């Protein structure tokens, strides 16, 4: 479940590479936006992201935590000037394990299994749920990021929510351009200009 890793139990690396070659298949791994915070040895993305300090933050200035497939996760802040460098570095590391032909970006709304901040009391009404018109009459933070999270440059998530996937796609595209003149990306979330 850790992004930028390969399940070596079910897909031993050498066998996986051999089967791709043998059957003439192309590999497009799924890469989630959330970076697991576990201290497992193969989780270099979390350690590297901390070194570069490129993760989205909460209002208190600490890393904003959500919950996705690997459990507690943090999210690259693509407004940070070094986030694209981090993303390329992690894709390059994945590519060294098993070369891929494209990337499937998933959970990049940013999707989470929680409604807003993981540590928020269920009794606290999210700030943006008090707006006069609430589309769909459900919380704007339903299974997504806390809209009060803060991006680099003090940009609030509420003002930039739909740009996360665009900036993530741009970073992915730029990395894939180093591999091929025709980058292939599937993305779960989209915004005008993504094409």
Protein backbone atom coordinates (compact mmCIF):
# COMPACT_ATOMS: atom_id res chain seq x y z
CA UNK A 1 0.00 0.00 0.00
CA UNK A 2 2.99 2.35 0.15
CA UNK A 3 3.20 4.64 -2.85
CA UNK A 4 6.37 4.32 -4.97
CA UNK A 5 6.85 0.69 -3.87
CA UNK A 6 6.25 -2.72 -5.45
CA UNK A 7 4.59 -5.63 -3.62
CA UNK A 8 7.59 -7.96 -3.74
CA UNK A 9 5.70 -10.81 -2.04
CA UNK A 10 3.09 -11.16 -4.80
CA UNK A 11 5.30 -9.71 -7.54
CA UNK A 12 8.95 -10.66 -6.96
CA UNK A 13 10.89 -8.02 -8.90
CA UNK A 14 12.93 -10.27 -11.20
CA UNK A 15 9.96 -12.53 -12.04
CA UNK A 16 7.81 -9.46 -12.63
CA UNK A 17 10.36 -7.95 -15.04
CA UNK A 18 10.76 -11.27 -16.86
CA UNK A 19 7.00 -11.68 -17.31
CA UNK A 20 6.69 -8.15 -18.72
CA UNK A 21 9.41 -8.94 -21.26
CA UNK A 22 8.19 -12.47 -22.02
CA UNK A 23 4.62 -11.38 -22.74
CA UNK A 24 5.50 -8.00 -24.27
CA UNK A 25 3.47 -6.11 -21.66
CA UNK A 26 3.74 -2.52 -20.55
CA UNK A 27 3.43 -1.54 -16.91
CA UNK A 28 1.48 1.48 -15.65
CA UNK A 29 1.71 1.48 -11.84
CA UNK A 30 -0.87 3.17 -9.67
CA UNK A 31 0.66 5.98 -7.60
CA UNK A 32 -1.42 7.46 -4.82
CA UNK A 33 -1.07 11.04 -3.65
CA UNK A 34 -0.82 10.02 0.01
CA UNK A 35 2.62 9.06 1.30
CA UNK A 36 2.43 6.60 4.20
CA UNK A 37 4.15 7.66 7.41
CA UNK A 38 5.21 4.17 8.51
CA UNK A 39 8.86 3.60 9.32
CA UNK A 40 9.20 0.54 7.08
CA UNK A 41 12.62 0.32 5.35
CA UNK A 42 11.10 0.53 1.86
CA UNK A 43 9.28 3.77 2.72
CA UNK A 44 11.93 6.17 1.44
CA UNK A 45 9.31 8.63 0.14
CA UNK A 46 8.27 9.71 3.64
CA UNK A 47 11.84 10.14 4.87
CA UNK A 48 12.90 12.03 1.74
CA UNK A 49 9.82 14.26 1.85
CA UNK A 50 10.56 15.14 5.47
CA UNK A 51 14.16 16.01 4.57
CA UNK A 52 12.89 18.32 1.84
CA UNK A 53 9.99 19.57 4.01
CA UNK A 54 7.59 19.38 1.06
CA UNK A 55 4.43 18.04 2.71
CA UNK A 56 1.13 19.90 3.09
CA UNK A 57 0.74 21.45 6.55
CA UNK A 58 -2.11 22.11 8.95
CA UNK A 59 -2.89 25.52 10.47
CA UNK A 60 -0.48 24.80 13.33
CA UNK A 61 2.40 24.34 10.86
CA UNK A 62 2.72 20.57 11.35
CA UNK A 63 2.30 18.03 8.56
CA UNK A 64 -1.33 17.58 7.65
CA UNK A 65 -2.26 13.92 8.14
CA UNK A 66 -4.97 11.99 6.39
CA UNK A 67 -5.76 8.32 6.16
CA UNK A 68 -5.54 6.33 2.93
CA UNK A 69 -4.49 2.77 2.00
CA UNK A 70 -1.23 2.63 3.99
CA UNK A 71 -2.90 4.14 7.09
CA UNK A 72 -1.73 7.56 8.27
CA UNK A 73 -0.51 9.57 5.30
CA UNK A 74 0.89 12.97 4.41
CA UNK A 75 0.60 14.67 1.03
CA UNK A 76 3.18 16.39 -1.16
CA UNK A 77 2.46 20.10 -1.42
CA UNK A 78 2.89 20.76 -5.12
CA UNK A 79 2.95 24.52 -4.45
CA UNK A 80 6.31 23.99 -2.70
CA UNK A 81 9.20 24.84 -5.06
CA UNK A 82 10.90 21.48 -4.37
CA UNK A 83 7.81 19.23 -4.59
CA UNK A 84 8.21 18.48 -8.32
CA UNK A 85 11.85 17.56 -7.69
CA UNK A 86 10.73 15.21 -4.88
CA UNK A 87 8.05 13.67 -7.11
CA UNK A 88 10.52 13.09 -9.97
CA UNK A 89 13.06 11.59 -7.58
CA UNK A 90 10.48 9.13 -6.20
CA UNK A 91 9.27 8.18 -9.71
CA UNK A 92 12.89 7.64 -10.75
CA UNK A 93 13.42 5.32 -7.75
CA UNK A 94 10.29 3.33 -8.66
CA UNK A 95 11.42 3.15 -12.29
CA UNK A 96 14.77 1.66 -11.16
CA UNK A 97 12.89 -1.19 -9.46
CA UNK A 98 10.68 -1.98 -12.47
CA UNK A 99 10.65 0.24 -15.53
CA UNK A 100 7.19 1.63 -16.28
CA UNK A 101 5.52 3.09 -19.35
CA UNK A 102 3.15 5.54 -17.73
CA UNK A 103 1.59 6.44 -14.38
CA UNK A 104 -1.92 6.09 -13.00
CA UNK A 105 -2.48 8.88 -10.46
CA UNK A 106 -5.08 7.90 -7.88
CA UNK A 107 -6.69 9.49 -4.82
CA UNK A 108 -5.56 12.90 -6.07
CA UNK A 109 -8.65 14.97 -5.28
CA UNK A 110 -6.95 14.69 -2.54
CA UNK A 111 -9.02 11.66 -1.47
CA UNK A 112 -8.88 10.35 2.08
CA UNK A 113 -10.87 7.91 4.20
CA UNK A 114 -11.60 10.69 6.69
CA UNK A 115 -13.65 13.86 6.46
CA UNK A 116 -11.08 16.62 6.80
CA UNK A 117 -8.46 16.46 9.51
CA UNK A 118 -7.94 13.06 11.14
CA UNK A 119 -7.57 14.55 14.59
CA UNK A 120 -10.61 16.86 14.47
CA UNK A 121 -13.39 16.10 16.92
CA UNK A 122 -16.61 14.94 15.26
CA UNK A 123 -18.37 17.66 17.25
CA UNK A 124 -16.46 20.46 15.51
CA UNK A 125 -18.30 21.87 12.49
CA UNK A 126 -15.80 22.53 9.68
CA UNK A 127 -15.49 26.25 8.93
CA UNK A 128 -16.54 25.90 5.30
CA UNK A 129 -19.63 23.84 6.12
CA UNK A 130 -21.22 27.07 7.35
CA UNK A 131 -21.31 28.74 3.92
CA UNK A 132 -24.79 29.80 2.76
CA UNK A 133 -24.95 27.29 -0.12
CA UNK A 134 -23.53 23.84 0.50
CA UNK A 135 -23.47 21.86 -2.79
CA UNK A 136 -25.07 18.45 -2.34
CA UNK A 137 -25.82 19.36 1.28
CA UNK A 138 -22.82 17.32 2.43
CA UNK A 139 -19.58 18.56 3.94
CA UNK A 140 -17.10 20.04 1.47
CA UNK A 141 -14.56 17.95 3.36
CA UNK A 142 -16.38 14.65 2.77
CA UNK A 143 -13.57 12.13 2.25
CA UNK A 144 -11.08 14.80 1.30
CA UNK A 145 -8.53 17.19 2.74
CA UNK A 146 -9.26 19.68 5.49
CA UNK A 147 -10.01 22.91 3.63
CA UNK A 148 -8.07 24.85 6.26
CA UNK A 149 -4.82 22.97 5.46
CA UNK A 150 -2.05 25.30 4.34
CA UNK A 151 0.11 25.09 1.22
CA UNK A 152 3.49 26.68 0.68
CA UNK A 153 3.14 30.46 0.41
CA UNK A 154 0.34 30.42 3.00
CA UNK A 155 -2.23 29.32 0.40
CA UNK A 156 -5.27 27.79 2.05
CA UNK A 157 -6.57 24.48 0.68
CA UNK A 158 -10.04 26.02 0.23
CA UNK A 159 -8.60 28.40 -2.38
CA UNK A 160 -6.48 25.80 -4.17
CA UNK A 161 -8.23 22.44 -3.73
CA UNK A 162 -8.72 21.65 -7.41
CA UNK A 163 -5.18 22.68 -8.31
CA UNK A 164 -3.53 19.81 -6.41
CA UNK A 165 -4.22 17.29 -9.15
CA UNK A 166 -3.20 19.70 -11.91
CA UNK A 167 0.17 20.40 -10.28
CA UNK A 168 0.68 16.70 -9.53
CA UNK A 169 -0.10 15.86 -13.17
CA UNK A 170 2.36 18.51 -14.34
CA UNK A 171 5.13 17.07 -12.13
CA UNK A 172 4.33 13.56 -13.39
CA UNK A 173 4.23 14.70 -17.03
CA UNK A 174 7.59 16.45 -16.69
CA UNK A 175 9.19 13.32 -15.27
CA UNK A 176 7.64 11.07 -17.94
CA UNK A 177 8.94 13.43 -20.67
CA UNK A 178 12.44 12.35 -19.62
CA UNK A 179 11.48 8.75 -20.51
CA UNK A 180 9.39 9.22 -23.63
CA UNK A 181 8.28 11.93 -26.06
CA UNK A 182 4.69 10.70 -25.48
CA UNK A 183 4.03 10.63 -21.72
CA UNK A 184 1.09 8.46 -20.65
CA UNK A 185 -0.85 9.45 -17.54
CA UNK A 186 -4.21 8.32 -16.22
CA UNK A 187 -5.61 10.52 -13.50
CA UNK A 188 -8.54 10.11 -11.15
CA UNK A 189 -9.02 13.84 -10.56
CA UNK A 190 -9.03 16.49 -13.26
CA UNK A 191 -9.46 20.21 -13.79
CA UNK A 192 -9.64 22.43 -16.86
CA UNK A 193 -6.22 22.56 -18.48
CA UNK A 194 -5.19 19.04 -17.45
CA UNK A 195 -5.30 17.80 -21.05
